[in-house]
Structures are given as C-alpha cells and as structure tokens.
Amino acid sequence: MSLPEPRATTGDQALQAIITSPSDTLFATDFDGTLALIVDDPAQANADQGAVPALGRLAEHLGAVVVITGRPVRTAVRLGGSASPQACIR
C-alpha cells in the first residue's frame, strides 16, 4: 500500500508519528457532510455504506477512532448503521 505524500513539513511529521506509533493516534471525523451526505431531512442522513466498516478496520490499528456529531448517541449509532451504542464503544 502506498501512503500519501505530505505537502508540508508538519504533514510529514504527523504521518511519521502515525507510522511510528499508531496506538497513540486518534482519528476523528465529523458525521454530517463527511460520513453522510448533507440532506434536507437530518433524520435521513445515513452514513455511506462503506464508511462504518472502514472506520472499524481503521480502529483495529489506531489508538482511537471517533465520530464527532451534535446528535444524540442513539441517533448517530442508528444513522451509522450499528445495532447499539455498545457495539460502537471499545
């Protein structure tokens, strides 16, 4: 697998830190507009079909993977396609 080429020194330093110590890495992403498209009805903003499994695979290698949202946890879990909040917490 090839890695992206950082465009700045700070990006290169960050990539090296992740490679050197992935268990110390926190990956955070927003829900609306990142994992799910922005839609007129927020209740219909389901996560992209491949997003949650990809985050799960990423979580196997990093210290933490988090999704940032202003939604209640149960709503975010439902829109993400998981059965329960406990399934998302490790």
PDB file of N, CA and C in Angstrom:
ATOM      1  N   MET A   1       0.847  -1.174   0.000  1.00  0.00           N
ATOM      2  CA  MET A   1       0.000   0.000   0.000  1.00  0.00           C
ATOM      3  C   MET A   1       0.890   1.232   0.000  1.00  0.00           C
ATOM      4  N   SER A   2       0.568   2.186  -0.821  1.00  0.00           N
ATOM      5  CA  SER A   2       1.337   3.419  -0.837  1.00  0.00           C
ATOM      6  C   SER A   2       0.646   4.460   0.037  1.00  0.00           C
ATOM      7  N   LEU A   3       1.445   5.297   0.640  1.00  0.00           N
ATOM      8  CA  LEU A   3       0.929   6.360   1.506  1.00  0.00           C
ATOM      9  C   LEU A   3       0.925   7.678   0.758  1.00  0.00           C
ATOM     10  N   PRO A   4       0.057   8.582   1.161  1.00  0.00           N
ATOM     11  CA  PRO A   4       0.048   9.896   0.502  1.00  0.00           C
ATOM     12  C   PRO A   4       1.344  10.639   0.781  1.00  0.00           C
ATOM     13  N   GLU A   5       1.694  11.500  -0.122  1.00  0.00           N
ATOM     14  CA  GLU A   5       2.894  12.324   0.035  1.00  0.00           C
ATOM     15  C   GLU A   5       2.494  13.641   0.695  1.00  0.00           C
ATOM     16  N   PRO A   6       2.930  13.875   1.932  1.00  0.00           N
ATOM     17  CA  PRO A   6       2.579  15.136   2.611  1.00  0.00           C
ATOM     18  C   PRO A   6       3.069  16.342   1.821  1.00  0.00           C
ATOM     19  N   ARG A   7       2.289  17.418   1.881  1.00  0.00           N
ATOM     20  CA  ARG A   7       2.618  18.637   1.152  1.00  0.00           C
ATOM     21  C   ARG A   7       3.377  19.639   1.994  1.00  0.00           C
ATOM     22  N   ALA A   8       3.451  19.407   3.290  1.00  0.00           N
ATOM     23  CA  ALA A   8       4.130  20.347   4.184  1.00  0.00           C
ATOM     24  C   ALA A   8       4.934  19.558   5.212  1.00  0.00           C
ATOM     25  N   THR A   9       5.896  20.217   5.798  1.00  0.00           N
ATOM     26  CA  THR A   9       6.734  19.578   6.812  1.00  0.00           C
ATOM     27  C   THR A   9       5.900  19.059   7.970  1.00  0.00           C
ATOM     28  N   THR A  10       4.928  19.832   8.412  1.00  0.00           N
ATOM     29  CA  THR A  10       4.095  19.376   9.532  1.00  0.00           C
ATOM     30  C   THR A  10       3.300  18.135   9.150  1.00  0.00           C
ATOM     31  N   GLY A  11       2.844  18.049   7.921  1.00  0.00           N
ATOM     32  CA  GLY A  11       2.132  16.863   7.450  1.00  0.00           C
ATOM     33  C   GLY A  11       3.050  15.648   7.448  1.00  0.00           C
ATOM     34  N   ASP A  12       4.283  15.834   7.015  1.00  0.00           N
ATOM     35  CA  ASP A  12       5.265  14.746   7.013  1.00  0.00           C
ATOM     36  C   ASP A  12       5.545  14.291   8.443  1.00  0.00           C
ATOM     37  N   GLN A  13       5.679  15.234   9.366  1.00  0.00           N
ATOM     38  CA  GLN A  13       5.934  14.891  10.767  1.00  0.00           C
ATOM     39  C   GLN A  13       4.739  14.122  11.349  1.00  0.00           C
ATOM     40  N   ALA A  14       3.537  14.551  11.037  1.00  0.00           N
ATOM     41  CA  ALA A  14       2.346  13.873  11.543  1.00  0.00           C
ATOM     42  C   ALA A  14       2.264  12.447  10.984  1.00  0.00           C
ATOM     43  N   LEU A  15       2.513  12.275   9.687  1.00  0.00           N
ATOM     44  CA  LEU A  15       2.474  10.953   9.087  1.00  0.00           C
ATOM     45  C   LEU A  15       3.519  10.040   9.721  1.00  0.00           C
ATOM     46  N   GLN A  16       4.706  10.565   9.957  1.00  0.00           N
ATOM     47  CA  GLN A  16       5.758   9.762  10.596  1.00  0.00           C
ATOM     48  C   GLN A  16       5.363   9.360  12.018  1.00  0.00           C
ATOM     49  N   ALA A  17       4.718  10.263  12.745  1.00  0.00           N
ATOM     50  CA  ALA A  17       4.267   9.942  14.106  1.00  0.00           C
ATOM     51  C   ALA A  17       3.221   8.832  14.081  1.00  0.00           C
ATOM     52  N   ILE A  18       2.321   8.860  13.111  1.00  0.00           N
ATOM     53  CA  ILE A  18       1.296   7.815  12.985  1.00  0.00           C
ATOM     54  C   ILE A  18       1.950   6.478  12.655  1.00  0.00           C
ATOM     55  N   ILE A  19       2.889   6.488  11.728  1.00  0.00           N
ATOM     56  CA  ILE A  19       3.575   5.260  11.328  1.00  0.00           C
ATOM     57  C   ILE A  19       4.384   4.700  12.492  1.00  0.00           C
ATOM     58  N   THR A  20       5.050   5.568  13.218  1.00  0.00           N
ATOM     59  CA  THR A  20       5.905   5.146  14.327  1.00  0.00           C
ATOM     60  C   THR A  20       5.099   4.604  15.500  1.00  0.00           C
ATOM     61  N   SER A  21       3.971   5.243  15.799  1.00  0.00           N
ATOM     62  CA  SER A  21       3.199   4.850  16.978  1.00  0.00           C
ATOM     63  C   SER A  21       1.696   4.934  16.711  1.00  0.00           C
ATOM     64  N   PRO A  22       1.169   4.009  15.909  1.00  0.00           N
ATOM     65  CA  PRO A  22      -0.259   4.077  15.586  1.00  0.00           C
ATOM     66  C   PRO A  22      -1.164   3.955  16.815  1.00  0.00           C
ATOM     67  N   SER A  23      -0.721   3.259  17.846  1.00  0.00           N
ATOM     68  CA  SER A  23      -1.568   3.106  19.034  1.00  0.00           C
ATOM     69  C   SER A  23      -1.719   4.413  19.803  1.00  0.00           C
ATOM     70  N   ASP A  24      -0.894   5.402  19.504  1.00  0.00           N
ATOM     71  CA  ASP A  24      -1.016   6.726  20.116  1.00  0.00           C
ATOM     72  C   ASP A  24      -1.806   7.692  19.237  1.00  0.00           C
ATOM     73  N   THR A  25      -2.361   7.189  18.154  1.00  0.00           N
ATOM     74  CA  THR A  25      -3.046   8.029  17.179  1.00  0.00           C
ATOM     75  C   THR A  25      -4.549   8.060  17.420  1.00  0.00           C
ATOM     76  N   LEU A  26      -5.109   9.254  17.389  1.00  0.00           N
ATOM     77  CA  LEU A  26      -6.546   9.471  17.453  1.00  0.00           C
ATOM     78  C   LEU A  26      -6.985   9.957  16.076  1.00  0.00           C
ATOM     79  N   PHE A  27      -7.950   9.266  15.475  1.00  0.00           N
ATOM     80  CA  PHE A  27      -8.533   9.699  14.213  1.00  0.00           C
ATOM     81  C   PHE A  27      -9.939  10.172  14.515  1.00  0.00           C
ATOM     82  N   ALA A  28     -10.250  11.404  14.185  1.00  0.00           N
ATOM     83  CA  ALA A  28     -11.571  11.973  14.441  1.00  0.00           C
ATOM     84  C   ALA A  28     -12.154  12.491  13.134  1.00  0.00           C
ATOM     85  N   THR A  29     -13.447  12.271  12.969  1.00  0.00           N
ATOM     86  CA  THR A  29     -14.132  12.733  11.770  1.00  0.00           C
ATOM     87  C   THR A  29     -15.536  13.214  12.132  1.00  0.00           C
ATOM     88  N   ASP A  30     -16.057  14.095  11.342  1.00  0.00           N
ATOM     89  CA  ASP A  30     -17.421  14.578  11.519  1.00  0.00           C
ATOM     90  C   ASP A  30     -18.379  13.591  10.858  1.00  0.00           C
ATOM     91  N   PHE A  31     -19.639  13.643  11.244  1.00  0.00           N
ATOM     92  CA  PHE A  31     -20.643  12.765  10.641  1.00  0.00           C
ATOM     93  C   PHE A  31     -21.270  13.419   9.415  1.00  0.00           C
ATOM     94  N   ASP A  32     -22.011  14.505   9.619  1.00  0.00           N
ATOM     95  CA  ASP A  32     -22.730  15.156   8.520  1.00  0.00           C
ATOM     96  C   ASP A  32     -21.767  15.827   7.556  1.00  0.00           C
ATOM     97  N   GLY A  33     -21.890  15.455   6.291  1.00  0.00           N
ATOM     98  CA  GLY A  33     -21.048  16.047   5.266  1.00  0.00           C
ATOM     99  C   GLY A  33     -19.724  15.333   5.088  1.00  0.00           C
ATOM    100  N   THR A  34     -19.433  14.369   5.954  1.00  0.00           N
ATOM    101  CA  THR A  34     -18.186  13.599   5.841  1.00  0.00           C
ATOM    102  C   THR A  34     -18.513  12.115   5.700  1.00  0.00           C
ATOM    103  N   LEU A  35     -19.131  11.530   6.709  1.00  0.00           N
ATOM    104  CA  LEU A  35     -19.553  10.131   6.629  1.00  0.00           C
ATOM    105  C   LEU A  35     -20.905  10.007   5.940  1.00  0.00           C
ATOM    106  N   ALA A  36     -21.712  11.051   6.023  1.00  0.00           N
ATOM    107  CA  ALA A  36     -23.041  11.067   5.405  1.00  0.00           C
ATOM    108  C   ALA A  36     -23.184  12.350   4.590  1.00  0.00           C
ATOM    109  N   LEU A  37     -23.917  12.250   3.506  1.00  0.00           N
ATOM    110  CA  LEU A  37     -24.196  13.437   2.705  1.00  0.00           C
ATOM    111  C   LEU A  37     -25.078  14.402   3.485  1.00  0.00           C
ATOM    112  N   ILE A  38     -24.952  15.678   3.193  1.00  0.00           N
ATOM    113  CA  ILE A  38     -25.865  16.671   3.745  1.00  0.00           C
ATOM    114  C   ILE A  38     -27.194  16.508   3.003  1.00  0.00           C
ATOM    115  N   VAL A  39     -28.259  16.325   3.753  1.00  0.00           N
ATOM    116  CA  VAL A  39     -29.588  16.144   3.150  1.00  0.00           C
ATOM    117  C   VAL A  39     -30.582  17.091   3.813  1.00  0.00           C
ATOM    118  N   ASP A  40     -31.695  17.332   3.136  1.00  0.00           N
ATOM    119  CA  ASP A  40     -32.724  18.241   3.659  1.00  0.00           C
ATOM    120  C   ASP A  40     -33.293  17.772   4.994  1.00  0.00           C
ATOM    121  N   ASP A  41     -33.505  16.468   5.137  1.00  0.00           N
ATOM    122  CA  ASP A  41     -34.071  15.897   6.370  1.00  0.00           C
ATOM    123  C   ASP A  41     -32.946  15.217   7.147  1.00  0.00           C
ATOM    124  N   PRO A  42     -32.465  15.805   8.246  1.00  0.00           N
ATOM    125  CA  PRO A  42     -31.359  15.221   9.006  1.00  0.00           C
ATOM    126  C   PRO A  42     -31.596  13.782   9.452  1.00  0.00           C
ATOM    127  N   ALA A  43     -32.861  13.393   9.608  1.00  0.00           N
ATOM    128  CA  ALA A  43     -33.171  12.020  10.012  1.00  0.00           C
ATOM    129  C   ALA A  43     -32.854  11.012   8.905  1.00  0.00           C
ATOM    130  N   GLN A  44     -32.620  11.510   7.692  1.00  0.00           N
ATOM    131  CA  GLN A  44     -32.302  10.643   6.555  1.00  0.00           C
ATOM    132  C   GLN A  44     -30.817  10.665   6.194  1.00  0.00           C
ATOM    133  N   ALA A  45     -30.004  11.253   7.038  1.00  0.00           N
ATOM    134  CA  ALA A  45     -28.563  11.381   6.764  1.00  0.00           C
ATOM    135  C   ALA A  45     -27.835  10.115   7.193  1.00  0.00           C
ATOM    136  N   ASN A  46     -28.029   9.042   6.454  1.00  0.00           N
ATOM    137  CA  ASN A  46     -27.371   7.780   6.772  1.00  0.00           C
ATOM    138  C   ASN A  46     -25.917   7.801   6.326  1.00  0.00           C
ATOM    139  N   ALA A  47     -25.079   7.136   7.103  1.00  0.00           N
ATOM    140  CA  ALA A  47     -23.660   7.047   6.754  1.00  0.00           C
ATOM    141  C   ALA A  47     -23.500   6.310   5.435  1.00  0.00           C
ATOM    142  N   ASP A  48     -22.494   6.686   4.673  1.00  0.00           N
ATOM    143  CA  ASP A  48     -22.152   5.979   3.450  1.00  0.00           C
ATOM    144  C   ASP A  48     -21.966   4.498   3.784  1.00  0.00           C
ATOM    145  N   GLN A  49     -22.392   3.633   2.903  1.00  0.00           N
ATOM    146  CA  GLN A  49     -22.387   2.197   3.139  1.00  0.00           C
ATOM    147  C   GLN A  49     -21.013   1.660   3.556  1.00  0.00           C
ATOM    148  N   GLY A  50     -19.946   2.198   3.018  1.00  0.00           N
ATOM    149  CA  GLY A  50     -18.611   1.690   3.337  1.00  0.00           C
ATOM    150  C   GLY A  50     -17.911   2.410   4.476  1.00  0.00           C
ATOM    151  N   ALA A  51     -18.501   3.499   4.959  1.00  0.00           N
ATOM    152  CA  ALA A  51     -17.815   4.327   5.955  1.00  0.00           C
ATOM    153  C   ALA A  51     -17.616   3.634   7.292  1.00  0.00           C
ATOM    154  N   VAL A  52     -18.666   3.056   7.831  1.00  0.00           N
ATOM    155  CA  VAL A  52     -18.575   2.450   9.161  1.00  0.00           C
ATOM    156  C   VAL A  52     -17.647   1.233   9.151  1.00  0.00           C
ATOM    157  N   PRO A  53     -17.753   0.332   8.165  1.00  0.00           N
ATOM    158  CA  PRO A  53     -16.793  -0.773   8.134  1.00  0.00           C
ATOM    159  C   PRO A  53     -15.337  -0.297   7.983  1.00  0.00           C
ATOM    160  N   ALA A  54     -15.145   0.761   7.200  1.00  0.00           N
ATOM    161  CA  ALA A  54     -13.786   1.302   7.040  1.00  0.00           C
ATOM    162  C   ALA A  54     -13.261   1.859   8.357  1.00  0.00           C
ATOM    163  N   LEU A  55     -14.121   2.553   9.110  1.00  0.00           N
ATOM    164  CA  LEU A  55     -13.701   3.072  10.418  1.00  0.00           C
ATOM    165  C   LEU A  55     -13.394   1.924  11.370  1.00  0.00           C
ATOM    166  N   GLY A  56     -14.161   0.854  11.288  1.00  0.00           N
ATOM    167  CA  GLY A  56     -13.900  -0.318  12.123  1.00  0.00           C
ATOM    168  C   GLY A  56     -12.546  -0.930  11.819  1.00  0.00           C
ATOM    169  N   ARG A  57     -12.208  -1.041  10.537  1.00  0.00           N
ATOM    170  CA  ARG A  57     -10.892  -1.579  10.163  1.00  0.00           C
ATOM    171  C   ARG A  57      -9.777  -0.646  10.626  1.00  0.00           C
ATOM    172  N   LEU A  58      -9.994   0.640  10.500  1.00  0.00           N
ATOM    173  CA  LEU A  58      -9.010   1.622  10.950  1.00  0.00           C
ATOM    174  C   LEU A  58      -8.806   1.531  12.456  1.00  0.00           C
ATOM    175  N   ALA A  59      -9.899   1.325  13.191  1.00  0.00           N
ATOM    176  CA  ALA A  59      -9.833   1.251  14.652  1.00  0.00           C
ATOM    177  C   ALA A  59      -8.985   0.079  15.138  1.00  0.00           C
ATOM    178  N   GLU A  60      -8.859  -0.956  14.315  1.00  0.00           N
ATOM    179  CA  GLU A  60      -8.030  -2.104  14.681  1.00  0.00           C
ATOM    180  C   GLU A  60      -6.550  -1.743  14.736  1.00  0.00           C
ATOM    181  N   HIS A  61      -6.182  -0.619  14.115  1.00  0.00           N
ATOM    182  CA  HIS A  61      -4.768  -0.254  14.010  1.00  0.00           C
ATOM    183  C   HIS A  61      -4.387   1.005  14.787  1.00  0.00           C
ATOM    184  N   LEU A  62      -5.366   1.797  15.182  1.00  0.00           N
ATOM    185  CA  LEU A  62      -5.082   3.073  15.843  1.00  0.00           C
ATOM    186  C   LEU A  62      -5.521   3.040  17.306  1.00  0.00           C
ATOM    187  N   GLY A  63      -5.074   4.040  18.044  1.00  0.00           N
ATOM    188  CA  GLY A  63      -5.446   4.138  19.452  1.00  0.00           C
ATOM    189  C   GLY A  63      -6.924   4.404  19.633  1.00  0.00           C
ATOM    190  N   ALA A  64      -7.514   5.262  18.806  1.00  0.00           N
ATOM    191  CA  ALA A  64      -8.936   5.586  18.915  1.00  0.00           C
ATOM    192  C   ALA A  64      -9.442   6.151  17.595  1.00  0.00           C
ATOM    193  N   VAL A  65     -10.683   5.832  17.298  1.00  0.00           N
ATOM    194  CA  VAL A  65     -11.397   6.401  16.151  1.00  0.00           C
ATOM    195  C   VAL A  65     -12.697   6.950  16.704  1.00  0.00           C
ATOM    196  N   VAL A  66     -12.954   8.233  16.463  1.00  0.00           N
ATOM    197  CA  VAL A  66     -14.167   8.859  16.991  1.00  0.00           C
ATOM    198  C   VAL A  66     -14.921   9.585  15.886  1.00  0.00           C
ATOM    199  N   VAL A  67     -16.230   9.642  16.077  1.00  0.00           N
ATOM    200  CA  VAL A  67     -17.094  10.402  15.174  1.00  0.00           C
ATOM    201  C   VAL A  67     -17.679  11.547  15.980  1.00  0.00           C
ATOM    202  N   ILE A  68     -17.505  12.744  15.468  1.00  0.00           N
ATOM    203  CA  ILE A  68     -17.980  13.946  16.148  1.00  0.00           C
ATOM    204  C   ILE A  68     -19.330  14.336  15.561  1.00  0.00           C
ATOM    205  N   THR A  69     -20.299  14.535  16.445  1.00  0.00           N
ATOM    206  CA  THR A  69     -21.624  14.939  15.993  1.00  0.00           C
ATOM    207  C   THR A  69     -22.362  15.615  17.136  1.00  0.00           C
ATOM    208  N   GLY A  70     -23.295  16.451  16.792  1.00  0.00           N
ATOM    209  CA  GLY A  70     -24.137  17.086  17.795  1.00  0.00           C
ATOM    210  C   GLY A  70     -25.402  16.276  18.057  1.00  0.00           C
ATOM    211  N   ARG A  71     -25.516  15.150  17.390  1.00  0.00           N
ATOM    212  CA  ARG A  71     -26.699  14.306  17.536  1.00  0.00           C
ATOM    213  C   ARG A  71     -26.628  13.482  18.824  1.00  0.00           C
ATOM    214  N   PRO A  72     -27.781  13.065  19.350  1.00  0.00           N
ATOM    215  CA  PRO A  72     -27.760  12.118  20.464  1.00  0.00           C
ATOM    216  C   PRO A  72     -27.078  10.822  20.023  1.00  0.00           C
ATOM    217  N   VAL A  73     -26.403  10.147  20.930  1.00  0.00           N
ATOM    218  CA  VAL A  73     -25.649   8.941  20.606  1.00  0.00           C
ATOM    219  C   VAL A  73     -26.509   7.891  19.912  1.00  0.00           C
ATOM    220  N   ARG A  74     -27.696   7.631  20.414  1.00  0.00           N
ATOM    221  CA  ARG A  74     -28.546   6.598  19.797  1.00  0.00           C
ATOM    222  C   ARG A  74     -28.903   6.947  18.347  1.00  0.00           C
ATOM    223  N   THR A  75     -29.118   8.210  18.070  1.00  0.00           N
ATOM    224  CA  THR A  75     -29.426   8.641  16.706  1.00  0.00           C
ATOM    225  C   THR A  75     -28.215   8.447  15.807  1.00  0.00           C
ATOM    226  N   ALA A  76     -27.050   8.856  16.274  1.00  0.00           N
ATOM    227  CA  ALA A  76     -25.832   8.716  15.477  1.00  0.00           C
ATOM    228  C   ALA A  76     -25.529   7.245  15.191  1.00  0.00           C
ATOM    229  N   VAL A  77     -25.722   6.401  16.182  1.00  0.00           N
ATOM    230  CA  VAL A  77     -25.479   4.966  16.002  1.00  0.00           C
ATOM    231  C   VAL A  77     -26.456   4.390  14.981  1.00  0.00           C
ATOM    232  N   ARG A  78     -27.718   4.774  15.086  1.00  0.00           N
ATOM    233  CA  ARG A  78     -28.716   4.290  14.123  1.00  0.00           C
ATOM    234  C   ARG A  78     -28.379   4.752  12.709  1.00  0.00           C
ATOM    235  N   LEU A  79     -28.041   6.007  12.547  1.00  0.00           N
ATOM    236  CA  LEU A  79     -27.713   6.539  11.220  1.00  0.00           C
ATOM    237  C   LEU A  79     -26.421   5.944  10.681  1.00  0.00           C
ATOM    238  N   GLY A  80     -25.553   5.529  11.590  1.00  0.00           N
ATOM    239  CA  GLY A  80     -24.312   4.876  11.181  1.00  0.00           C
ATOM    240  C   GLY A  80     -24.509   3.427  10.786  1.00  0.00           C
ATOM    241  N   GLY A  81     -25.684   2.883  11.142  1.00  0.00           N
ATOM    242  CA  GLY A  81     -25.982   1.521  10.746  1.00  0.00           C
ATOM    243  C   GLY A  81     -25.584   0.467  11.757  1.00  0.00           C
ATOM    244  N   SER A  82     -25.280   0.867  12.983  1.00  0.00           N
ATOM    245  CA  SER A  82     -24.910  -0.099  14.010  1.00  0.00           C
ATOM    246  C   SER A  82     -26.144  -0.443  14.848  1.00  0.00           C
ATOM    247  N   ALA A  83     -26.119  -1.612  15.448  1.00  0.00           N
ATOM    248  CA  ALA A  83     -27.267  -2.093  16.207  1.00  0.00           C
ATOM    249  C   ALA A  83     -27.446  -1.401  17.538  1.00  0.00           C
ATOM    250  N   SER A  84     -26.342  -1.049  18.191  1.00  0.00           N
ATOM    251  CA  SER A  84     -26.465  -0.459  19.522  1.00  0.00           C
ATOM    252  C   SER A  84     -25.245   0.389  19.830  1.00  0.00           C
ATOM    253  N   PRO A  85     -25.398   1.363  20.748  1.00  0.00           N
ATOM    254  CA  PRO A  85     -24.241   2.177  21.131  1.00  0.00           C
ATOM    255  C   PRO A  85     -23.104   1.328  21.693  1.00  0.00           C
ATOM    256  N   GLN A  86     -23.428   0.251  22.403  1.00  0.00           N
ATOM    257  CA  GLN A  86     -22.387  -0.595  22.977  1.00  0.00           C
ATOM    258  C   GLN A  86     -21.525  -1.242  21.889  1.00  0.00           C
ATOM    259  N   ALA A  87     -22.107  -1.492  20.728  1.00  0.00           N
ATOM    260  CA  ALA A  87     -21.350  -2.083  19.629  1.00  0.00           C
ATOM    261  C   ALA A  87     -20.292  -1.124  19.099  1.00  0.00           C
ATOM    262  N   CYS A  88     -20.450   0.156  19.398  1.00  0.00           N
ATOM    263  CA  CYS A  88     -19.533   1.169  18.882  1.00  0.00           C
ATOM    264  C   CYS A  88     -18.462   1.565  19.894  1.00  0.00           C
ATOM    265  N   ILE A  89     -18.613   1.133  21.126  1.00  0.00           N
ATOM    266  CA  ILE A  89     -17.680   1.546  22.172  1.00  0.00           C
ATOM    267  C   ILE A  89     -16.756   0.389  22.495  1.00  0.00           C
ATOM    268  N   ARG A  90     -15.468   0.677  22.473  1.00  0.00           N
ATOM    269  CA  ARG A  90     -14.481  -0.373  22.817  1.00  0.00           C
ATOM    270  C   ARG A  90     -13.612   0.113  23.926  1.00  0.00           C
TER     271      ARG A  90
END
